[in-house]
Amino acid sequence: MSSTITIIPTKNTKVTFREIINLSEKHINSALNIIKLKEKIKLQVTILNYDEAKNKDTYREVDLTDIFEWKKNQLVIFSIKGISGVIKTDYDLIYDPEMEPGNPWWKLNTYKDKTKTIPNLDDKFEKAKKINKSWFLHRSEEKDKVINLTCAVIGASNAELTSGLISSTDQIWGYGQYFVKNEEFLKFYLQPAKILSAPP
């Protein structure tokens, strides 16, 4: 089953790849250490570039000091050395005048109806409008549960660094909600014993 983690930042969009990787590794290694997995996770990140004219994909290494941004014909690919599976990361604008011309912020209105636990949501949405960006993390349909856990942790780290709103459509562990507090999200996902024992 596929899973998508969505993050809408409300500030600090100048976060770097290195900041996201460092915080993600800190969270994931701390969680795995609880269940006595001592080998440290090391994240790798590349950019996949699709050349439409040549119908060709190319990959390039990321300068970790770069801001967490990329072009529309690109995807950011996170992976873990020695583990199969990848985490593909895409972005989109929130403002969409084409789908509903009279309601260009319809995406936020949809999210608002399904978000129950975040206080001052209207204020956060106003901040999100100024940034007008959302990120989506899709883990590959691999059975490796460390990849599954890491996808959630990267999303949570991104949300932590950008005061972002975070949601999940995760179907494996029954955690499918619209936006929740980052602490609530991590409380669920940083239970590696539960996640690693889940059925494939």
Protein backbone atom coordinates (compact mmCIF):
# COMPACT_ATOMS: atom_id res chain seq x y z
CA MET A 1 0.00 0.00 0.00
CA SER A 2 1.15 3.49 -0.69
CA SER A 3 1.37 6.25 1.84
CA THR A 4 1.57 10.01 1.53
CA ILE A 5 2.78 12.44 4.17
CA THR A 6 1.72 16.05 3.50
CA ILE A 7 3.37 19.10 5.06
CA ILE A 8 2.23 22.70 4.73
CA PRO A 9 4.87 25.09 6.13
CA THR A 10 3.83 28.18 8.06
CA LYS A 11 7.29 29.75 8.50
CA ASN A 12 11.03 29.25 7.95
CA THR A 13 11.06 27.92 4.41
CA LYS A 14 14.80 28.54 4.22
CA VAL A 15 15.48 25.23 5.93
CA THR A 16 18.34 23.28 4.30
CA PHE A 17 18.64 19.67 3.24
CA ARG A 18 21.26 19.17 5.95
CA GLU A 19 18.94 20.44 8.69
CA ILE A 20 16.21 18.03 7.60
CA ILE A 21 18.61 15.08 7.35
CA ASN A 22 20.28 15.79 10.69
CA LEU A 23 17.00 16.08 12.57
CA SER A 24 15.54 13.01 10.82
CA GLU A 25 18.58 10.89 11.64
CA LYS A 26 18.44 12.04 15.24
CA HIS A 27 14.76 11.03 15.59
CA ILE A 28 15.03 7.71 13.75
CA ASN A 29 18.22 6.55 15.45
CA SER A 30 16.88 7.49 18.86
CA ALA A 31 13.71 5.50 18.18
CA LEU A 32 15.55 2.45 16.86
CA ASN A 33 17.93 2.53 19.80
CA ILE A 34 14.94 1.96 22.09
CA ILE A 35 14.44 -1.47 20.53
CA LYS A 36 18.17 -2.25 20.65
CA LEU A 37 18.96 -1.66 16.97
CA LYS A 38 22.41 -0.13 17.32
CA GLU A 39 23.33 0.36 13.67
CA LYS A 40 22.96 4.02 12.79
CA ILE A 41 20.72 5.08 9.91
CA LYS A 42 22.46 7.34 7.40
CA LEU A 43 20.19 9.14 4.98
CA GLN A 44 21.17 9.87 1.39
CA VAL A 45 19.45 12.36 -0.87
CA THR A 46 19.55 12.92 -4.63
CA ILE A 47 17.50 14.91 -7.13
CA LEU A 48 15.80 13.13 -10.00
CA ASN A 49 15.49 15.36 -13.05
CA TYR A 50 13.09 14.47 -15.86
CA ASP A 51 14.03 15.86 -19.27
CA GLU A 52 10.76 15.84 -21.22
CA ALA A 53 12.42 16.63 -24.55
CA LYS A 54 14.76 13.63 -24.24
CA ASN A 55 12.29 11.50 -22.24
CA LYS A 56 15.13 10.72 -19.86
CA ASP A 57 15.71 10.67 -16.11
CA THR A 58 19.00 11.79 -14.62
CA TYR A 59 20.15 11.92 -11.01
CA ARG A 60 22.44 14.35 -9.28
CA GLU A 61 23.84 14.65 -5.80
CA VAL A 62 22.44 17.35 -3.53
CA ASP A 63 24.56 20.00 -1.88
CA LEU A 64 23.30 19.64 1.69
CA THR A 65 23.76 23.34 2.34
CA ASP A 66 21.14 24.11 -0.35
CA ILE A 67 17.68 25.29 0.62
CA PHE A 68 15.05 22.53 0.51
CA GLU A 69 13.75 23.54 -2.93
CA TRP A 70 13.72 22.11 -6.44
CA LYS A 71 12.09 22.59 -9.85
CA LYS A 72 8.73 21.26 -11.03
CA ASN A 73 10.34 18.70 -13.34
CA GLN A 74 12.32 17.26 -10.43
CA LEU A 75 11.77 15.00 -7.45
CA VAL A 76 13.85 14.73 -4.29
CA ILE A 77 14.73 11.12 -3.50
CA PHE A 78 15.64 10.08 0.04
CA SER A 79 17.15 6.66 0.64
CA ILE A 80 19.05 4.74 3.30
CA LYS A 81 22.41 3.17 2.59
CA GLY A 82 22.06 -0.60 2.49
CA ILE A 83 18.23 -0.65 2.54
CA SER A 84 15.96 -1.09 -0.46
CA GLY A 85 13.18 1.37 -1.15
CA VAL A 86 13.09 5.13 -1.57
CA ILE A 87 11.10 8.12 -0.39
CA LYS A 88 10.04 10.42 -3.23
CA THR A 89 9.34 14.02 -2.32
CA ASP A 90 7.32 16.43 -4.45
CA TYR A 91 5.86 19.89 -3.90
CA ASP A 92 2.93 21.92 -5.13
CA LEU A 93 1.34 25.32 -4.67
CA ILE A 94 -1.68 25.66 -2.42
CA TYR A 95 -3.24 28.47 -4.47
CA ASP A 96 -5.20 26.91 -7.32
CA PRO A 97 -7.44 29.25 -9.37
CA GLU A 98 -7.91 26.71 -12.17
CA MET A 99 -9.82 23.95 -10.36
CA GLU A 100 -12.24 26.35 -8.65
CA PRO A 101 -11.83 29.89 -10.09
CA GLY A 102 -14.06 31.47 -7.45
CA ASN A 103 -12.33 29.65 -4.60
CA PRO A 104 -8.56 29.51 -5.28
CA TRP A 105 -7.79 28.43 -1.69
CA TRP A 106 -10.14 25.45 -1.92
CA LYS A 107 -7.41 23.06 -0.77
CA LEU A 108 -7.18 24.78 2.60
CA ASN A 109 -10.97 24.78 2.95
CA THR A 110 -10.97 21.03 2.35
CA TYR A 111 -8.25 20.52 4.95
CA LYS A 112 -10.06 22.76 7.44
CA ASP A 113 -13.19 20.63 7.41
CA LYS A 114 -11.17 17.53 8.32
CA THR A 115 -8.73 19.01 10.83
CA LYS A 116 -9.93 18.63 14.40
CA THR A 117 -7.09 19.05 16.91
CA ILE A 118 -5.03 22.08 15.84
CA PRO A 119 -5.84 25.33 17.72
CA ASN A 120 -5.82 28.68 15.90
CA LEU A 121 -6.11 26.88 12.58
CA ASP A 122 -7.32 29.96 10.68
CA ASP A 123 -4.23 31.88 11.79
CA LYS A 124 -1.96 29.05 10.68
CA PHE A 125 -3.71 28.88 7.31
CA GLU A 126 -3.19 32.63 6.82
CA LYS A 127 0.53 32.12 7.40
CA ALA A 128 0.50 29.15 5.03
CA LYS A 129 -1.10 31.30 2.31
CA LYS A 130 1.85 33.70 2.42
CA ILE A 131 4.23 30.82 1.75
CA ASN A 132 1.86 29.03 -0.68
CA LYS A 133 3.65 25.71 -0.72
CA SER A 134 3.05 22.10 0.27
CA TRP A 135 5.34 19.07 0.27
CA PHE A 136 4.38 15.45 -0.30
CA LEU A 137 6.45 12.43 0.73
CA HIS A 138 5.61 9.12 -0.93
CA ARG A 139 7.37 5.97 0.21
CA SER A 140 7.84 3.23 -2.35
CA GLU A 141 5.68 0.18 -1.90
CA GLU A 142 8.52 -1.70 -0.26
CA LYS A 143 8.07 -4.06 2.65
CA ASP A 144 11.06 -2.65 4.49
CA LYS A 145 9.53 -1.09 7.56
CA VAL A 146 12.54 1.07 8.32
CA ILE A 147 11.85 2.92 5.05
CA ASN A 148 8.21 3.27 6.09
CA LEU A 149 9.17 4.66 9.49
CA THR A 150 11.81 6.94 7.99
CA CYS A 151 9.33 8.46 5.53
CA ALA A 152 7.15 9.58 8.43
CA VAL A 153 10.12 10.86 10.41
CA ILE A 154 11.45 12.95 7.49
CA GLY A 155 8.00 14.49 7.14
CA ALA A 156 7.81 15.18 10.85
CA SER A 157 11.29 16.73 10.87
CA ASN A 158 10.32 18.99 7.99
CA ALA A 159 7.17 20.04 9.85
CA GLU A 160 9.15 20.68 13.03
CA LEU A 161 11.65 22.92 11.24
CA THR A 162 9.00 24.91 9.37
CA SER A 163 6.24 25.00 12.00
CA GLY A 164 4.37 23.01 9.39
CA LEU A 165 0.98 21.35 9.45
CA ILE A 166 1.32 17.61 8.84
CA SER A 167 -1.08 14.89 7.74
CA SER A 168 -0.93 11.27 6.68
CA THR A 169 -2.89 8.95 4.41
CA ASP A 170 -1.10 5.94 5.89
CA GLN A 171 -3.16 2.78 5.49
CA ILE A 172 -0.78 0.19 6.93
CA TRP A 173 -1.09 1.20 10.57
CA GLY A 174 -4.51 2.79 10.42
CA TYR A 175 -3.23 6.33 10.80
CA GLY A 176 -5.02 8.40 8.20
CA GLN A 177 -5.79 11.92 9.36
CA TYR A 178 -5.76 15.45 8.13
CA PHE A 179 -3.59 17.92 9.89
CA VAL A 180 -2.46 17.21 13.43
CA LYS A 181 0.18 18.66 15.72
CA ASN A 182 3.67 17.47 14.94
CA GLU A 183 3.97 16.11 18.49
CA GLU A 184 0.85 13.98 17.97
CA PHE A 185 2.19 12.71 14.67
CA LEU A 186 5.56 11.74 16.18
CA LYS A 187 3.91 10.15 19.19
CA PHE A 188 2.26 7.69 16.84
CA TYR A 189 5.14 7.07 14.47
CA LEU A 190 8.05 6.91 16.90
CA GLN A 191 6.95 3.51 18.11
CA PRO A 192 9.32 1.31 16.11
CA ALA A 193 8.46 -1.85 18.04
CA LYS A 194 4.85 -1.50 16.90
CA ILE A 195 5.73 -0.51 13.36
CA LEU A 196 8.42 -3.14 12.81
CA SER A 197 6.06 -5.88 14.01
CA ALA A 198 3.24 -4.78 11.69
CA PRO A 199 2.28 -7.21 8.91
CA PRO A 200 3.99 -6.58 5.50
